[in-house]
């Protein structure tokens, strides 16, 4: 069995990437690929950190923003004074419906 049975072997290049934990990744790319099409970063299959092509300066981990609650989103849109005004209005309406005004 040879190339006629399995197809012809395409020319390829190997590119080296390193993550912050020192893992080395060597994926292959088609030799005729444009240099700008080769990604600058990949995810390390060993640890999941981003891996770059510069061994001495691997890419930093992007800071993940923690999950926000509904209250956190509301506080982004309203000031404390606006919140107090809205609460007072809602309480007045509630009391009026119950006949406690």
N, C-alpha and C. Protein backbone atom coordinates (compact mmCIF):
# COMPACT_ATOMS: atom_id res chain seq x y z
N UNK A 1 0.85 -1.18 0.00
CA UNK A 1 0.00 0.00 0.00
C UNK A 1 0.89 1.24 0.00
N UNK A 2 0.51 2.17 -0.77
CA UNK A 2 1.30 3.39 -0.85
C UNK A 2 0.40 4.58 -1.08
N UNK A 3 0.97 5.63 -1.65
CA UNK A 3 0.21 6.86 -1.87
C UNK A 3 -0.97 6.64 -2.80
N UNK A 4 -0.83 5.69 -3.75
CA UNK A 4 -1.93 5.47 -4.67
C UNK A 4 -3.16 4.91 -3.95
N UNK A 5 -2.95 4.23 -2.83
CA UNK A 5 -4.07 3.67 -2.08
C UNK A 5 -4.65 4.66 -1.06
N UNK A 6 -3.80 5.47 -0.48
CA UNK A 6 -4.25 6.39 0.58
C UNK A 6 -4.32 7.83 0.14
N UNK A 7 -3.95 8.14 -1.06
CA UNK A 7 -3.93 9.51 -1.53
C UNK A 7 -2.55 10.11 -1.40
N UNK A 8 -2.33 11.22 -2.04
CA UNK A 8 -1.03 11.86 -2.03
C UNK A 8 -0.87 12.72 -0.78
N UNK A 9 0.32 12.75 -0.27
CA UNK A 9 0.64 13.52 0.94
C UNK A 9 0.85 14.98 0.54
N UNK A 10 0.04 15.87 1.07
CA UNK A 10 0.17 17.30 0.77
C UNK A 10 1.37 17.88 1.50
N UNK A 11 2.02 18.84 0.88
CA UNK A 11 3.12 19.54 1.53
C UNK A 11 2.56 20.33 2.70
N UNK A 12 3.27 20.30 3.82
CA UNK A 12 2.78 20.98 5.01
C UNK A 12 3.95 21.57 5.79
N UNK A 13 3.59 22.51 6.66
CA UNK A 13 4.58 23.14 7.53
C UNK A 13 4.12 22.94 8.97
N UNK A 14 5.10 22.91 9.86
CA UNK A 14 4.80 22.76 11.28
C UNK A 14 5.08 24.08 11.98
N UNK A 15 4.12 24.55 12.76
CA UNK A 15 4.25 25.81 13.48
C UNK A 15 4.25 25.51 14.98
N UNK A 16 5.16 26.15 15.70
CA UNK A 16 5.29 25.91 17.14
C UNK A 16 4.57 26.99 17.94
N UNK A 17 3.86 26.54 18.97
CA UNK A 17 3.15 27.43 19.89
C UNK A 17 3.52 27.02 21.31
N UNK A 18 3.50 28.00 22.25
CA UNK A 18 3.78 27.73 23.66
C UNK A 18 2.73 28.43 24.51
N UNK A 19 2.29 27.74 25.57
CA UNK A 19 1.34 28.33 26.50
C UNK A 19 2.09 28.82 27.74
N UNK A 20 1.36 29.46 28.66
CA UNK A 20 1.95 29.99 29.88
C UNK A 20 2.51 28.91 30.80
N UNK A 21 2.04 27.67 30.67
CA UNK A 21 2.55 26.56 31.49
C UNK A 21 3.75 25.87 30.85
N UNK A 22 4.20 26.38 29.70
CA UNK A 22 5.37 25.81 29.05
C UNK A 22 5.10 24.65 28.11
N UNK A 23 3.83 24.33 27.88
CA UNK A 23 3.52 23.25 26.95
C UNK A 23 3.81 23.70 25.52
N UNK A 24 4.36 22.80 24.75
CA UNK A 24 4.66 23.10 23.35
C UNK A 24 3.67 22.36 22.46
N UNK A 25 3.12 23.09 21.49
CA UNK A 25 2.16 22.53 20.55
C UNK A 25 2.74 22.72 19.16
N UNK A 26 2.68 21.68 18.33
CA UNK A 26 3.26 21.75 16.99
C UNK A 26 2.25 21.27 15.94
N UNK A 27 1.22 22.08 15.65
CA UNK A 27 0.27 21.66 14.62
C UNK A 27 0.84 21.86 13.22
N UNK A 28 0.27 21.12 12.28
CA UNK A 28 0.67 21.23 10.88
C UNK A 28 -0.36 22.06 10.13
N UNK A 29 0.15 22.83 9.16
CA UNK A 29 -0.70 23.61 8.27
C UNK A 29 -0.27 23.34 6.84
N UNK A 30 -1.19 23.53 5.92
CA UNK A 30 -0.89 23.35 4.51
C UNK A 30 0.23 24.30 4.11
N UNK A 31 1.21 23.81 3.34
CA UNK A 31 2.39 24.61 2.99
C UNK A 31 2.03 25.82 2.13
N UNK A 32 0.93 25.75 1.41
CA UNK A 32 0.57 26.85 0.52
C UNK A 32 -0.33 27.89 1.19
N UNK A 33 -0.57 27.74 2.49
CA UNK A 33 -1.42 28.69 3.21
C UNK A 33 -0.71 30.04 3.30
N UNK A 34 -1.50 31.10 3.24
CA UNK A 34 -0.95 32.44 3.39
C UNK A 34 -0.52 32.64 4.84
N UNK A 35 0.62 33.29 5.08
CA UNK A 35 1.11 33.47 6.47
C UNK A 35 0.10 34.17 7.38
N UNK A 36 -0.70 35.08 6.85
CA UNK A 36 -1.67 35.78 7.70
C UNK A 36 -2.86 34.89 8.07
N UNK A 37 -3.01 33.76 7.41
CA UNK A 37 -4.09 32.83 7.74
C UNK A 37 -3.71 31.87 8.87
N UNK A 38 -2.43 31.80 9.22
CA UNK A 38 -2.00 30.95 10.33
C UNK A 38 -2.34 31.70 11.62
N UNK A 39 -3.09 31.07 12.52
CA UNK A 39 -3.52 31.79 13.73
C UNK A 39 -2.34 32.17 14.63
N UNK A 40 -2.48 33.34 15.26
CA UNK A 40 -1.45 33.80 16.20
C UNK A 40 -1.56 33.07 17.52
N UNK A 41 -2.77 32.65 17.89
CA UNK A 41 -2.99 31.96 19.15
C UNK A 41 -3.85 30.72 18.93
N UNK A 42 -3.58 29.71 19.73
CA UNK A 42 -4.39 28.50 19.80
C UNK A 42 -4.65 28.19 21.26
N UNK A 43 -5.65 27.37 21.53
CA UNK A 43 -5.88 26.89 22.89
C UNK A 43 -5.02 25.66 23.11
N UNK A 44 -4.29 25.64 24.22
CA UNK A 44 -3.43 24.51 24.55
C UNK A 44 -4.31 23.28 24.84
N UNK A 45 -4.07 22.15 24.16
CA UNK A 45 -4.89 20.96 24.42
C UNK A 45 -4.57 20.33 25.78
N UNK A 46 -3.45 20.68 26.39
CA UNK A 46 -3.07 20.11 27.69
C UNK A 46 -3.73 20.81 28.86
N UNK A 47 -3.74 22.16 28.83
CA UNK A 47 -4.24 22.90 29.99
C UNK A 47 -5.33 23.90 29.65
N UNK A 48 -5.56 24.18 28.37
CA UNK A 48 -6.62 25.10 27.98
C UNK A 48 -6.22 26.56 27.93
N UNK A 49 -4.99 26.89 28.35
CA UNK A 49 -4.54 28.28 28.29
C UNK A 49 -4.27 28.68 26.84
N UNK A 50 -4.29 29.98 26.53
CA UNK A 50 -3.94 30.39 25.18
C UNK A 50 -2.46 30.16 24.93
N UNK A 51 -2.14 29.72 23.72
CA UNK A 51 -0.75 29.46 23.33
C UNK A 51 -0.40 30.36 22.16
N UNK A 52 0.78 30.99 22.23
CA UNK A 52 1.24 31.88 21.17
C UNK A 52 2.53 31.38 20.56
N UNK A 53 3.00 32.10 19.57
CA UNK A 53 4.18 31.66 18.81
C UNK A 53 5.49 32.15 19.42
N UNK A 54 5.43 33.03 20.41
CA UNK A 54 6.64 33.53 21.06
C UNK A 54 6.85 32.74 22.36
N UNK A 55 7.92 31.95 22.39
CA UNK A 55 8.17 31.08 23.55
C UNK A 55 8.43 31.89 24.82
N UNK A 56 9.12 33.00 24.69
CA UNK A 56 9.49 33.80 25.85
C UNK A 56 8.32 34.64 26.39
N UNK A 57 7.35 34.93 25.57
CA UNK A 57 6.21 35.76 25.98
C UNK A 57 4.90 35.11 25.57
N UNK A 58 4.48 34.06 26.27
CA UNK A 58 3.20 33.44 25.92
C UNK A 58 2.04 34.39 26.22
N UNK A 59 0.93 34.26 25.51
CA UNK A 59 -0.19 35.18 25.74
C UNK A 59 -0.77 35.04 27.14
N UNK A 60 -1.24 36.16 27.64
CA UNK A 60 -1.85 36.18 28.98
C UNK A 60 -3.28 35.65 28.90
N UNK A 61 -3.75 35.14 30.01
CA UNK A 61 -5.11 34.64 30.09
C UNK A 61 -6.06 35.83 30.14
N UNK A 62 -7.09 35.80 29.31
CA UNK A 62 -8.08 36.87 29.32
C UNK A 62 -8.86 36.80 30.64
N UNK A 63 -9.06 37.96 31.23
CA UNK A 63 -9.78 38.00 32.50
C UNK A 63 -11.26 37.75 32.24
N UNK A 64 -11.80 36.76 32.90
CA UNK A 64 -13.21 36.44 32.76
C UNK A 64 -14.02 37.24 33.76
N UNK A 65 -15.08 37.84 33.27
CA UNK A 65 -15.95 38.61 34.15
C UNK A 65 -16.89 37.64 34.86
N UNK A 66 -17.02 37.77 36.17
CA UNK A 66 -17.89 36.84 36.89
C UNK A 66 -19.35 37.02 36.50
N UNK A 67 -20.13 36.01 36.81
CA UNK A 67 -21.56 36.05 36.53
C UNK A 67 -22.20 37.22 37.27
N UNK A 68 -23.04 37.95 36.56
CA UNK A 68 -23.73 39.08 37.19
C UNK A 68 -25.17 38.69 37.50
N UNK A 69 -25.63 39.14 38.64
CA UNK A 69 -27.02 38.92 39.02
C UNK A 69 -27.89 39.99 38.37
N UNK A 70 -29.18 39.77 38.44
CA UNK A 70 -30.13 40.76 37.92
C UNK A 70 -29.95 42.09 38.64
N UNK A 71 -29.72 42.02 39.95
CA UNK A 71 -29.54 43.24 40.73
C UNK A 71 -28.30 44.01 40.27
N UNK A 72 -27.25 43.32 39.92
CA UNK A 72 -26.03 44.00 39.45
C UNK A 72 -26.30 44.76 38.15
N UNK A 73 -27.08 44.15 37.24
CA UNK A 73 -27.42 44.86 36.00
C UNK A 73 -28.30 46.07 36.28
N UNK A 74 -29.23 45.94 37.22
CA UNK A 74 -30.10 47.07 37.56
C UNK A 74 -29.26 48.20 38.15
N UNK A 75 -28.31 47.86 39.01
CA UNK A 75 -27.47 48.90 39.63
C UNK A 75 -26.58 49.61 38.62
N UNK A 76 -26.28 48.95 37.50
CA UNK A 76 -25.52 49.62 36.44
C UNK A 76 -26.34 50.70 35.76
N UNK A 77 -27.67 50.50 35.71
CA UNK A 77 -28.54 51.42 34.99
C UNK A 77 -29.12 52.52 35.87
N UNK A 78 -29.16 52.32 37.18
CA UNK A 78 -29.83 53.26 38.07
C UNK A 78 -28.90 53.71 39.19
N UNK A 79 -29.08 54.96 39.61
CA UNK A 79 -28.34 55.45 40.78
C UNK A 79 -29.14 55.10 42.03
N UNK A 80 -28.54 55.30 43.19
CA UNK A 80 -29.23 55.03 44.45
C UNK A 80 -30.46 55.92 44.61
N UNK A 81 -30.34 57.19 44.19
CA UNK A 81 -31.48 58.11 44.30
C UNK A 81 -32.63 57.68 43.40
N UNK A 82 -32.31 57.26 42.16
CA UNK A 82 -33.36 56.78 41.27
C UNK A 82 -34.03 55.53 41.83
N UNK A 83 -33.24 54.66 42.42
CA UNK A 83 -33.80 53.44 43.00
C UNK A 83 -34.73 53.76 44.16
N UNK A 84 -34.33 54.71 45.01
CA UNK A 84 -35.18 55.09 46.15
C UNK A 84 -36.48 55.71 45.66
N UNK A 85 -36.42 56.54 44.62
CA UNK A 85 -37.62 57.15 44.05
C UNK A 85 -38.56 56.09 43.49
N UNK A 86 -38.01 55.14 42.74
CA UNK A 86 -38.83 54.06 42.18
C UNK A 86 -39.47 53.21 43.27
N UNK A 87 -38.71 52.93 44.32
CA UNK A 87 -39.25 52.14 45.43
C UNK A 87 -40.39 52.88 46.13
N UNK A 88 -40.20 54.16 46.36
CA UNK A 88 -41.26 54.95 46.99
C UNK A 88 -42.52 54.97 46.14
N UNK A 89 -42.36 55.17 44.83
CA UNK A 89 -43.52 55.17 43.93
C UNK A 89 -44.24 53.82 43.95
N UNK A 90 -43.46 52.73 43.90
CA UNK A 90 -44.07 51.39 43.91
C UNK A 90 -44.80 51.13 45.22
N UNK A 91 -44.22 51.57 46.34
CA UNK A 91 -44.87 51.37 47.64
C UNK A 91 -46.16 52.19 47.75
N UNK A 92 -46.16 53.42 47.23
CA UNK A 92 -47.37 54.25 47.25
C UNK A 92 -48.48 53.61 46.44
N UNK A 93 -48.13 53.07 45.26
CA UNK A 93 -49.13 52.41 44.42
C UNK A 93 -49.68 51.17 45.12
N UNK A 94 -48.82 50.42 45.75
CA UNK A 94 -49.25 49.20 46.46
C UNK A 94 -50.17 49.55 47.62
N UNK A 95 -49.82 50.55 48.38
CA UNK A 95 -50.65 50.98 49.51
C UNK A 95 -51.99 51.53 49.04
N UNK A 96 -51.99 52.24 47.91
CA UNK A 96 -53.22 52.79 47.37
C UNK A 96 -54.17 51.67 46.95
N UNK A 97 -53.62 50.60 46.37
CA UNK A 97 -54.45 49.46 45.97
C UNK A 97 -55.04 48.74 47.18
N UNK A 98 -54.30 48.73 48.26
CA UNK A 98 -54.77 48.05 49.46
C UNK A 98 -55.61 48.97 50.36
N UNK A 99 -55.69 50.24 49.96
CA UNK A 99 -56.49 51.18 50.74
C UNK A 99 -55.78 51.69 51.99
N UNK A 100 -54.44 51.66 51.98
CA UNK A 100 -53.69 52.09 53.15
C UNK A 100 -53.06 53.46 52.98
N UNK A 101 -53.37 54.15 51.94
CA UNK A 101 -52.74 55.44 51.65
C UNK A 101 -53.11 56.41 52.70
